[in-house]
Amino acid sequence: TGSNNWFSLVSLGFRFLFSEPRLLWLGICGGVSNLMLGGFITILSIFMIRSLSLEAWVFGTVLAIGALGGVAGALMAGRVRARLPLAQTLLLAEFIGGLGVIVIGLANIGGSAASTLTMALLGMFVHSIGMGVYNVHSMSTRQRLAPPEYLGRVTASYRLLSHGAIPLGAILGGLSMDLFGGVTTMDAIGTL
């Protein structure tokens, strides 16, 4: 039946994913990163509008400028990888992304509206640079390591493993913001 065929295709992807240590490591790291990303996405708009007192259109501008950091990260990904081994490239990219989140969390320390906006813009841009570098290398590594006939199944299994953490992160991020506040939650997400 169709459901048995679907299950066998999915299980084949997971078997390959779990048999290749580099892909498994990448999937686990992606899951942890996406757990934090789920929390970040959940609290970002609330934090920027409530805690940083940004107007909605300013927040939208921060996101748009931050997206340019993702483009910059993707463009510099090859140069970073040329200087560092893959594992170090991925860890550096995650570190840079987390550093950007911490900068956002500290954006209201300066006091003035201009310094708050500058820190929010810088934080989003830096966060997106890290994610741009990470995404280029995690995707290309997955494509390089999976045999072409398994690539779709491995990609689906990998994404289930890594993206399955986003909803849990969203719940934990919202709960943490309610319990500990936006700055503490933002800084915890950036640190982890």
N, C-alpha and C. Protein backbone atom coordinates (compact mmCIF):
# COMPACT_ATOMS: atom_id res chain seq x y z
N THR A 1 0.83 -1.19 0.00
CA THR A 1 0.00 0.00 0.00
C THR A 1 0.87 1.25 0.00
N GLY A 2 0.24 2.38 -0.24
CA GLY A 2 0.96 3.64 -0.29
C GLY A 2 1.61 4.01 1.02
N SER A 3 0.92 3.76 2.14
CA SER A 3 1.48 4.13 3.44
C SER A 3 2.69 3.28 3.79
N ASN A 4 2.68 1.99 3.42
CA ASN A 4 3.84 1.14 3.67
C ASN A 4 5.03 1.59 2.83
N ASN A 5 4.78 1.99 1.59
CA ASN A 5 5.84 2.46 0.72
C ASN A 5 6.42 3.77 1.28
N TRP A 6 5.55 4.66 1.73
CA TRP A 6 6.01 5.92 2.31
C TRP A 6 6.90 5.65 3.52
N PHE A 7 6.46 4.75 4.40
CA PHE A 7 7.23 4.43 5.59
C PHE A 7 8.59 3.84 5.23
N SER A 8 8.63 2.98 4.24
CA SER A 8 9.92 2.37 3.86
C SER A 8 10.86 3.42 3.26
N LEU A 9 10.32 4.37 2.52
CA LEU A 9 11.16 5.43 1.95
C LEU A 9 11.72 6.34 3.06
N VAL A 10 10.87 6.69 4.01
CA VAL A 10 11.32 7.54 5.11
C VAL A 10 12.34 6.80 5.96
N SER A 11 12.07 5.54 6.27
CA SER A 11 13.01 4.78 7.10
C SER A 11 14.35 4.58 6.39
N LEU A 12 14.35 4.46 5.07
CA LEU A 12 15.60 4.35 4.31
C LEU A 12 16.42 5.63 4.49
N GLY A 13 15.77 6.78 4.42
CA GLY A 13 16.46 8.05 4.62
C GLY A 13 17.06 8.15 6.01
N PHE A 14 16.29 7.76 7.03
CA PHE A 14 16.80 7.80 8.40
C PHE A 14 17.93 6.80 8.61
N ARG A 15 17.82 5.61 8.01
CA ARG A 15 18.90 4.62 8.17
C ARG A 15 20.21 5.17 7.61
N PHE A 16 20.13 5.81 6.44
CA PHE A 16 21.36 6.37 5.87
C PHE A 16 21.86 7.51 6.73
N LEU A 17 20.96 8.37 7.18
CA LEU A 17 21.35 9.51 8.02
C LEU A 17 22.07 9.02 9.28
N PHE A 18 21.53 7.99 9.93
CA PHE A 18 22.13 7.48 11.16
C PHE A 18 23.39 6.65 10.90
N SER A 19 23.60 6.21 9.66
CA SER A 19 24.80 5.43 9.35
C SER A 19 25.98 6.31 8.96
N GLU A 20 25.71 7.56 8.67
CA GLU A 20 26.78 8.49 8.26
C GLU A 20 27.01 9.48 9.41
N PRO A 21 28.09 9.29 10.20
CA PRO A 21 28.29 10.11 11.40
C PRO A 21 28.32 11.61 11.13
N ARG A 22 28.88 12.02 10.00
CA ARG A 22 28.95 13.46 9.72
C ARG A 22 27.56 14.04 9.49
N LEU A 23 26.70 13.29 8.80
CA LEU A 23 25.33 13.77 8.59
C LEU A 23 24.53 13.75 9.88
N LEU A 24 24.74 12.73 10.69
CA LEU A 24 24.04 12.66 11.97
C LEU A 24 24.46 13.83 12.86
N TRP A 25 25.76 14.11 12.93
CA TRP A 25 26.26 15.24 13.70
C TRP A 25 25.65 16.54 13.19
N LEU A 26 25.62 16.70 11.89
CA LEU A 26 25.04 17.89 11.28
C LEU A 26 23.55 18.01 11.62
N GLY A 27 22.84 16.89 11.59
CA GLY A 27 21.41 16.91 11.92
C GLY A 27 21.16 17.25 13.37
N ILE A 28 21.99 16.72 14.26
CA ILE A 28 21.84 17.03 15.68
C ILE A 28 22.17 18.49 15.95
N CYS A 29 23.27 18.97 15.36
CA CYS A 29 23.62 20.39 15.52
C CYS A 29 22.52 21.28 14.94
N GLY A 30 21.98 20.89 13.81
CA GLY A 30 20.88 21.65 13.21
C GLY A 30 19.66 21.63 14.11
N GLY A 31 19.40 20.50 14.76
CA GLY A 31 18.26 20.41 15.68
C GLY A 31 18.41 21.33 16.88
N VAL A 32 19.62 21.37 17.45
CA VAL A 32 19.87 22.26 18.59
C VAL A 32 19.76 23.72 18.14
N SER A 33 20.35 24.01 17.00
CA SER A 33 20.28 25.37 16.46
C SER A 33 18.84 25.78 16.19
N ASN A 34 18.06 24.88 15.62
CA ASN A 34 16.67 25.19 15.31
C ASN A 34 15.79 25.23 16.55
N LEU A 35 16.16 24.53 17.60
CA LEU A 35 15.47 24.66 18.87
C LEU A 35 15.58 26.12 19.34
N MET A 36 16.80 26.65 19.28
CA MET A 36 17.02 28.04 19.67
C MET A 36 16.36 29.00 18.68
N LEU A 37 16.41 28.66 17.39
CA LEU A 37 15.78 29.51 16.38
C LEU A 37 14.28 29.61 16.61
N GLY A 38 13.64 28.51 16.99
CA GLY A 38 12.21 28.54 17.28
C GLY A 38 11.89 29.52 18.40
N GLY A 39 12.72 29.51 19.45
CA GLY A 39 12.54 30.46 20.54
C GLY A 39 12.80 31.88 20.09
N PHE A 40 13.84 32.06 19.30
CA PHE A 40 14.21 33.39 18.79
C PHE A 40 13.09 33.99 17.95
N ILE A 41 12.57 33.20 17.03
CA ILE A 41 11.49 33.67 16.15
C ILE A 41 10.25 34.04 16.98
N THR A 42 9.97 33.23 17.99
CA THR A 42 8.79 33.46 18.82
C THR A 42 8.87 34.78 19.57
N ILE A 43 10.01 35.08 20.13
CA ILE A 43 10.09 36.27 20.99
C ILE A 43 10.59 37.52 20.27
N LEU A 44 11.13 37.38 19.06
CA LEU A 44 11.78 38.51 18.41
C LEU A 44 10.86 39.72 18.24
N SER A 45 9.71 39.53 17.64
CA SER A 45 8.84 40.69 17.40
C SER A 45 8.34 41.28 18.71
N ILE A 46 7.99 40.43 19.67
CA ILE A 46 7.52 40.93 20.97
C ILE A 46 8.64 41.72 21.65
N PHE A 47 9.84 41.17 21.62
CA PHE A 47 10.98 41.82 22.26
C PHE A 47 11.28 43.17 21.61
N MET A 48 11.33 43.19 20.30
CA MET A 48 11.69 44.44 19.61
C MET A 48 10.64 45.52 19.78
N ILE A 49 9.38 45.13 19.79
CA ILE A 49 8.32 46.13 19.89
C ILE A 49 8.08 46.53 21.35
N ARG A 50 8.03 45.56 22.25
CA ARG A 50 7.77 45.88 23.67
C ARG A 50 9.02 46.36 24.40
N SER A 51 10.07 45.57 24.34
CA SER A 51 11.26 45.89 25.14
C SER A 51 12.11 46.99 24.54
N LEU A 52 12.23 47.00 23.21
CA LEU A 52 13.06 48.02 22.57
C LEU A 52 12.24 49.22 22.11
N SER A 53 10.94 49.13 22.22
CA SER A 53 10.02 50.23 21.85
C SER A 53 10.16 50.64 20.39
N LEU A 54 10.44 49.68 19.52
CA LEU A 54 10.51 49.98 18.09
C LEU A 54 9.09 49.97 17.52
N GLU A 55 8.83 50.87 16.60
CA GLU A 55 7.55 50.84 15.90
C GLU A 55 7.58 49.66 14.94
N ALA A 56 6.40 49.19 14.55
CA ALA A 56 6.30 48.00 13.70
C ALA A 56 7.07 48.18 12.39
N TRP A 57 6.98 49.35 11.76
CA TRP A 57 7.67 49.55 10.49
C TRP A 57 9.19 49.56 10.68
N VAL A 58 9.65 50.02 11.85
CA VAL A 58 11.09 50.00 12.15
C VAL A 58 11.54 48.56 12.35
N PHE A 59 10.74 47.78 13.05
CA PHE A 59 11.04 46.37 13.21
C PHE A 59 11.13 45.68 11.84
N GLY A 60 10.19 45.97 10.96
CA GLY A 60 10.25 45.41 9.61
C GLY A 60 11.52 45.80 8.88
N THR A 61 11.95 47.03 9.07
CA THR A 61 13.20 47.50 8.45
C THR A 61 14.40 46.76 9.03
N VAL A 62 14.38 46.52 10.35
CA VAL A 62 15.46 45.75 10.99
C VAL A 62 15.53 44.35 10.37
N LEU A 63 14.38 43.71 10.17
CA LEU A 63 14.37 42.38 9.54
C LEU A 63 14.91 42.43 8.12
N ALA A 64 14.51 43.45 7.36
CA ALA A 64 14.95 43.56 5.96
C ALA A 64 16.46 43.77 5.89
N ILE A 65 16.98 44.65 6.72
CA ILE A 65 18.43 44.88 6.72
C ILE A 65 19.16 43.65 7.25
N GLY A 66 18.55 43.00 8.24
CA GLY A 66 19.14 41.76 8.74
C GLY A 66 19.25 40.70 7.66
N ALA A 67 18.25 40.64 6.77
CA ALA A 67 18.27 39.66 5.68
C ALA A 67 19.48 39.87 4.77
N LEU A 68 19.91 41.10 4.64
CA LEU A 68 21.11 41.37 3.84
C LEU A 68 22.33 40.70 4.45
N GLY A 69 22.33 40.53 5.76
CA GLY A 69 23.41 39.80 6.41
C GLY A 69 23.44 38.34 5.97
N GLY A 70 22.26 37.76 5.73
CA GLY A 70 22.21 36.39 5.22
C GLY A 70 22.82 36.28 3.84
N VAL A 71 22.55 37.28 3.01
CA VAL A 71 23.15 37.31 1.67
C VAL A 71 24.67 37.45 1.79
N ALA A 72 25.11 38.37 2.66
CA ALA A 72 26.55 38.55 2.87
C ALA A 72 27.20 37.26 3.37
N GLY A 73 26.53 36.58 4.31
CA GLY A 73 27.07 35.32 4.82
C GLY A 73 27.19 34.27 3.74
N ALA A 74 26.17 34.18 2.89
CA ALA A 74 26.22 33.20 1.79
C ALA A 74 27.35 33.54 0.82
N LEU A 75 27.55 34.83 0.57
CA LEU A 75 28.61 35.24 -0.35
C LEU A 75 30.01 35.00 0.21
N MET A 76 30.16 35.11 1.52
CA MET A 76 31.48 34.91 2.11
C MET A 76 31.72 33.47 2.57
N ALA A 77 30.74 32.60 2.43
CA ALA A 77 30.84 31.23 2.93
C ALA A 77 32.03 30.48 2.33
N GLY A 78 32.27 30.65 1.05
CA GLY A 78 33.39 29.97 0.40
C GLY A 78 34.74 30.43 0.93
N ARG A 79 34.87 31.72 1.18
CA ARG A 79 36.14 32.24 1.70
C ARG A 79 36.39 31.77 3.13
N VAL A 80 35.33 31.69 3.92
CA VAL A 80 35.48 31.19 5.29
C VAL A 80 35.92 29.73 5.25
N ARG A 81 35.27 28.95 4.41
CA ARG A 81 35.57 27.51 4.31
C ARG A 81 36.96 27.27 3.77
N ALA A 82 37.46 28.17 2.92
CA ALA A 82 38.81 28.02 2.38
C ALA A 82 39.87 28.16 3.47
N ARG A 83 39.54 28.83 4.55
CA ARG A 83 40.49 29.06 5.63
C ARG A 83 40.33 28.09 6.81
N LEU A 84 39.16 27.45 6.92
CA LEU A 84 38.88 26.61 8.08
C LEU A 84 38.35 25.25 7.65
N PRO A 85 38.61 24.22 8.45
CA PRO A 85 37.96 22.93 8.19
C PRO A 85 36.44 23.07 8.36
N LEU A 86 35.69 22.12 7.83
CA LEU A 86 34.23 22.20 7.84
C LEU A 86 33.66 22.34 9.25
N ALA A 87 34.08 21.50 10.17
CA ALA A 87 33.51 21.56 11.53
C ALA A 87 33.75 22.92 12.16
N GLN A 88 34.94 23.47 11.99
CA GLN A 88 35.24 24.79 12.56
C GLN A 88 34.43 25.88 11.86
N THR A 89 34.22 25.74 10.56
CA THR A 89 33.40 26.70 9.82
C THR A 89 31.99 26.73 10.36
N LEU A 90 31.42 25.54 10.57
CA LEU A 90 30.04 25.46 11.08
C LEU A 90 29.95 25.99 12.51
N LEU A 91 30.90 25.65 13.34
CA LEU A 91 30.89 26.15 14.73
C LEU A 91 31.07 27.67 14.77
N LEU A 92 31.95 28.20 13.94
CA LEU A 92 32.14 29.65 13.87
C LEU A 92 30.86 30.33 13.40
N ALA A 93 30.21 29.76 12.41
CA ALA A 93 28.96 30.33 11.91
C ALA A 93 27.89 30.35 13.00
N GLU A 94 27.78 29.26 13.76
CA GLU A 94 26.82 29.22 14.87
C GLU A 94 27.18 30.23 15.95
N PHE A 95 28.46 30.37 16.23
CA PHE A 95 28.91 31.33 17.23
C PHE A 95 28.55 32.75 16.80
N ILE A 96 28.82 33.08 15.54
CA ILE A 96 28.51 34.42 15.03
C ILE A 96 27.00 34.67 15.08
N GLY A 97 26.21 33.67 14.68
CA GLY A 97 24.76 33.81 14.75
C GLY A 97 24.28 34.05 16.17
N GLY A 98 24.82 33.30 17.12
CA GLY A 98 24.46 33.48 18.53
C GLY A 98 24.91 34.83 19.07
N LEU A 99 26.07 35.28 18.63
CA LEU A 99 26.55 36.59 19.06
C LEU A 99 25.59 37.70 18.61
N GLY A 100 25.06 37.57 17.40
CA GLY A 100 24.08 38.54 16.92
C GLY A 100 22.84 38.58 17.80
N VAL A 101 22.38 37.42 18.25
CA VAL A 101 21.21 37.35 19.13
C VAL A 101 21.51 38.02 20.46
N ILE A 102 22.71 37.81 20.99
CA ILE A 102 23.09 38.45 22.25
C ILE A 102 23.12 39.97 22.08
N VAL A 103 23.64 40.46 20.97
CA VAL A 103 23.66 41.90 20.71
C VAL A 103 22.24 42.46 20.70
N ILE A 104 21.31 41.73 20.09
CA ILE A 104 19.91 42.17 20.10
C ILE A 104 19.39 42.23 21.53
N GLY A 105 19.72 41.21 22.32
CA GLY A 105 19.28 41.18 23.70
C GLY A 105 19.81 42.33 24.54
N LEU A 106 20.95 42.85 24.17
CA LEU A 106 21.57 43.96 24.90
C LEU A 106 21.28 45.32 24.28
N ALA A 107 20.42 45.36 23.29
CA ALA A 107 20.21 46.59 22.51
C ALA A 107 19.68 47.75 23.32
N ASN A 108 18.95 47.51 24.37
CA ASN A 108 18.38 48.65 25.10
C ASN A 108 19.27 49.15 26.23
N ILE A 109 20.50 48.65 26.32
CA ILE A 109 21.41 49.09 27.37
C ILE A 109 21.92 50.51 27.11
N GLY A 110 22.09 50.89 25.85
CA GLY A 110 22.63 52.21 25.52
C GLY A 110 21.74 53.36 25.95
N GLY A 111 20.46 53.12 26.03
CA GLY A 111 19.55 54.15 26.52
C GLY A 111 18.89 54.97 25.44
N SER A 112 19.61 55.46 24.47
CA SER A 112 19.00 56.31 23.45
C SER A 112 18.34 55.47 22.37
N ALA A 113 17.37 56.07 21.71
CA ALA A 113 16.67 55.37 20.62
C ALA A 113 17.64 55.03 19.49
N ALA A 114 18.57 55.92 19.21
CA ALA A 114 19.53 55.69 18.14
C ALA A 114 20.45 54.52 18.46
N SER A 115 20.94 54.43 19.70
CA SER A 115 21.83 53.31 20.04
C SER A 115 21.06 51.99 20.08
N THR A 116 19.80 52.04 20.53
CA THR A 116 18.97 50.83 20.54
C THR A 116 18.76 50.32 19.12
N LEU A 117 18.41 51.22 18.21
CA LEU A 117 18.18 50.84 16.82
C LEU A 117 19.47 50.32 16.19
N THR A 118 20.58 50.97 16.45
CA THR A 118 21.86 50.54 15.89
C THR A 118 22.22 49.13 16.36
N MET A 119 22.03 48.88 17.65
CA MET A 119 22.33 47.54 18.18
C MET A 119 21.39 46.49 17.60
N ALA A 120 20.11 46.82 17.45
CA ALA A 120 19.16 45.87 16.87
C ALA A 120 19.53 45.55 15.42
N LEU A 121 19.87 46.58 14.66
CA LEU A 121 20.28 46.37 13.26
C LEU A 121 21.56 45.54 13.18
N LEU A 122 22.54 45.90 13.99
CA LEU A 122 23.80 45.18 13.99
C LEU A 122 23.59 43.72 14.39
N GLY A 123 22.80 43.51 15.45
CA GLY A 123 22.54 42.15 15.90
C GLY A 123 21.88 41.29 14.85
N MET A 124 20.84 41.83 14.19
CA MET A 124 20.16 41.05 13.14
C MET A 124 21.09 40.77 11.97
N PHE A 125 21.90 41.76 11.59
CA PHE A 125 22.82 41.59 10.47
C PHE A 125 23.85 40.52 10.79
N VAL A 126 24.44 40.58 11.99
CA VAL A 126 25.46 39.61 12.40
C VAL A 126 24.84 38.21 12.52
N HIS A 127 23.67 38.12 13.14
CA HIS A 127 22.99 36.83 13.26
C HIS A 127 22.79 36.22 11.87
N SER A 128 22.33 37.02 10.94
CA SER A 128 22.04 36.51 9.59
C SER A 128 23.31 36.13 8.84
N ILE A 129 24.41 36.82 9.08
CA ILE A 129 25.69 36.41 8.47
C ILE A 129 26.03 34.99 8.91
N GLY A 130 25.96 34.75 10.20
CA GLY A 130 26.27 33.40 10.71
C GLY A 130 25.37 32.35 10.10
N MET A 131 24.08 32.64 10.02
CA MET A 131 23.14 31.66 9.47
C MET A 131 23.37 31.45 7.97
N GLY A 132 23.77 32.51 7.27
CA GLY A 132 24.07 32.37 5.84
C GLY A 132 25.24 31.43 5.60
N VAL A 133 26.31 31.62 6.36
CA VAL A 133 27.49 30.74 6.24
C VAL A 133 27.11 29.31 6.62
N TYR A 134 26.40 29.15 7.72
CA TYR A 134 26.02 27.81 8.19
C TYR A 134 25.15 27.09 7.16
N ASN A 135 24.14 27.77 6.65
CA ASN A 135 23.22 27.11 5.72
C ASN A 135 23.90 26.67 4.43
N VAL A 136 24.80 27.49 3.90
CA VAL A 136 25.51 27.09 2.68
C VAL A 136 26.26 25.79 2.91
N HIS A 137 26.99 25.72 4.02
CA HIS A 137 27.84 24.54 4.23
C HIS A 137 27.08 23.33 4.75
N SER A 138 26.02 23.53 5.51
CA SER A 138 25.27 22.36 5.96
C SER A 138 24.53 21.72 4.78
N MET A 139 23.96 22.54 3.92
CA MET A 139 23.24 21.98 2.77
C MET A 139 24.19 21.33 1.78
N SER A 140 25.30 21.99 1.49
CA SER A 140 26.22 21.42 0.51
C SER A 140 26.87 20.14 1.05
N THR A 141 27.12 20.08 2.34
CA THR A 141 27.67 18.86 2.94
C THR A 141 26.68 17.71 2.84
N ARG A 142 25.43 17.99 3.13
CA ARG A 142 24.39 16.95 3.01
C ARG A 142 24.30 16.46 1.57
N GLN A 143 24.35 17.36 0.63
CA GLN A 143 24.26 16.97 -0.78
C GLN A 143 25.49 16.19 -1.22
N ARG A 144 26.64 16.52 -0.68
CA ARG A 144 27.88 15.83 -1.05
C ARG A 144 27.94 14.43 -0.46
N LEU A 145 27.44 14.25 0.75
CA LEU A 145 27.58 12.96 1.43
C LEU A 145 26.49 11.95 1.08
N ALA A 146 25.33 12.41 0.68
CA ALA A 146 24.23 11.49 0.37
C ALA A 146 24.35 11.04 -1.08
N PRO A 147 24.21 9.74 -1.34
CA PRO A 147 24.21 9.27 -2.73
C PRO A 147 23.03 9.91 -3.48
N PRO A 148 23.21 10.23 -4.75
CA PRO A 148 22.15 10.91 -5.51
C PRO A 148 20.79 10.20 -5.43
N GLU A 149 20.78 8.88 -5.43
CA GLU A 149 19.51 8.16 -5.41
C GLU A 149 18.81 8.24 -4.04
N TYR A 150 19.55 8.63 -2.99
CA TYR A 150 18.97 8.77 -1.65
C TYR A 150 18.81 10.22 -1.22
N LEU A 151 19.26 11.16 -2.02
CA LEU A 151 19.33 12.55 -1.59
C LEU A 151 17.98 13.09 -1.10
N GLY A 152 16.92 12.83 -1.81
CA GLY A 152 15.61 13.32 -1.40
C GLY A 152 15.18 12.74 -0.07
N ARG A 153 15.38 11.44 0.10
CA ARG A 153 15.00 10.78 1.35
C ARG A 153 15.86 11.25 2.52
N VAL A 154 17.17 11.38 2.27
CA VAL A 154 18.08 11.84 3.32
C VAL A 154 17.75 13.28 3.69
N THR A 155 17.49 14.12 2.70
CA THR A 155 17.14 15.51 2.97
C THR A 155 15.85 15.60 3.79
N ALA A 156 14.85 14.82 3.43
CA ALA A 156 13.59 14.84 4.19
C ALA A 156 13.81 14.36 5.62
N SER A 157 14.60 13.32 5.80
CA SER A 157 14.88 12.81 7.15
C SER A 157 15.69 13.81 7.96
N TYR A 158 16.68 14.41 7.33
CA TYR A 158 17.51 15.42 7.99
C TYR A 158 16.65 16.60 8.44
N ARG A 159 15.80 17.07 7.54
CA ARG A 159 14.98 18.23 7.86
C ARG A 159 13.96 17.90 8.95
N LEU A 160 13.46 16.69 8.98
CA LEU A 160 12.56 16.29 10.06
C LEU A 160 13.30 16.31 11.39
N LEU A 161 14.53 15.79 11.39
CA LEU A 161 15.34 15.78 12.60
C LEU A 161 15.69 17.21 13.04
N SER A 162 16.15 18.04 12.11
CA SER A 162 16.60 19.37 12.50
C SER A 162 15.45 20.36 12.67
N HIS A 163 14.46 20.33 11.79
CA HIS A 163 13.36 21.29 11.88
C HIS A 163 12.26 20.86 12.84
N GLY A 164 12.27 19.60 13.23
CA GLY A 164 11.29 19.14 14.20
C GLY A 164 11.45 19.81 15.56
N ALA A 165 12.61 20.41 15.80
CA ALA A 165 12.87 21.07 17.08
C ALA A 165 12.29 22.49 17.13
N ILE A 166 11.94 23.07 16.00
CA ILE A 166 11.47 24.45 15.97
C ILE A 166 10.20 24.65 16.81
N PRO A 167 9.17 23.80 16.68
CA PRO A 167 7.97 24.03 17.52
C PRO A 167 8.26 23.95 19.02
N LEU A 168 9.12 23.02 19.43
CA LEU A 168 9.48 22.92 20.83
C LEU A 168 10.21 24.19 21.28
N GLY A 169 11.11 24.67 20.45
CA GLY A 169 11.82 25.91 20.75
C GLY A 169 10.87 27.09 20.87
N ALA A 170 9.85 27.12 20.01
CA ALA A 170 8.87 28.21 20.06
C ALA A 170 8.15 28.21 21.41
N ILE A 171 7.73 27.04 21.86
CA ILE A 171 7.04 26.94 23.15
C ILE A 171 7.98 27.35 24.28
N LEU A 172 9.20 26.81 24.27
CA LEU A 172 10.15 27.11 25.33
C LEU A 172 10.55 28.58 25.33
N GLY A 173 10.71 29.17 24.14
CA GLY A 173 11.06 30.59 24.06
C GLY A 173 9.96 31.47 24.63
N GLY A 174 8.71 31.18 24.27
CA GLY A 174 7.60 31.96 24.81
C GLY A 174 7.47 31.80 26.31
N LEU A 175 7.61 30.59 26.79
CA LEU A 175 7.53 30.32 28.23
C LEU A 175 8.66 31.03 28.97
N SER A 176 9.86 30.96 28.42
CA SER A 176 11.01 31.60 29.04
C SER A 176 10.84 33.11 29.09
N MET A 177 10.30 33.70 28.02
CA MET A 177 10.09 35.14 28.02
C MET A 177 9.07 35.54 29.09
N ASP A 178 8.02 34.73 29.23
CA ASP A 178 7.02 35.01 30.28
C ASP A 178 7.63 34.90 31.67
N LEU A 179 8.49 33.91 31.88
CA LEU A 179 9.05 33.67 33.21
C LEU A 179 10.24 34.57 33.56
N PHE A 180 11.11 34.80 32.56
CA PHE A 180 12.38 35.47 32.86
C PHE A 180 12.57 36.81 32.16
N GLY A 181 11.69 37.15 31.24
CA GLY A 181 11.82 38.42 30.53
C GLY A 181 12.55 38.27 29.21
N GLY A 182 12.44 39.30 28.40
CA GLY A 182 12.99 39.27 27.05
C GLY A 182 14.50 39.28 26.99
N VAL A 183 15.14 40.13 27.78
CA VAL A 183 16.61 40.24 27.72
C VAL A 183 17.25 38.92 28.13
N THR A 184 16.81 38.35 29.23
CA THR A 184 17.39 37.09 29.71
C THR A 184 17.17 35.98 28.69
N THR A 185 15.96 35.91 28.13
CA THR A 185 15.67 34.86 27.16
C THR A 185 16.48 35.06 25.89
N MET A 186 16.55 36.28 25.39
CA MET A 186 17.32 36.56 24.17
C MET A 186 18.78 36.20 24.39
N ASP A 187 19.35 36.58 25.52
CA ASP A 187 20.75 36.28 25.78
C ASP A 187 20.98 34.78 25.99
N ALA A 188 20.02 34.08 26.61
CA ALA A 188 20.16 32.63 26.77
C ALA A 188 20.12 31.93 25.41
N ILE A 189 19.23 32.38 24.54
CA ILE A 189 19.15 31.79 23.20
C ILE A 189 20.45 32.02 22.46
N GLY A 190 20.97 33.23 22.53
CA GLY A 190 22.23 33.52 21.83
C GLY A 190 23.41 32.75 22.39
N THR A 191 23.39 32.50 23.67
CA THR A 191 24.49 31.78 24.30
C THR A 191 24.46 30.30 23.96
N LEU A 192 23.26 29.73 23.91
CA LEU A 192 23.14 28.31 23.62
C LEU A 192 23.33 28.04 22.16
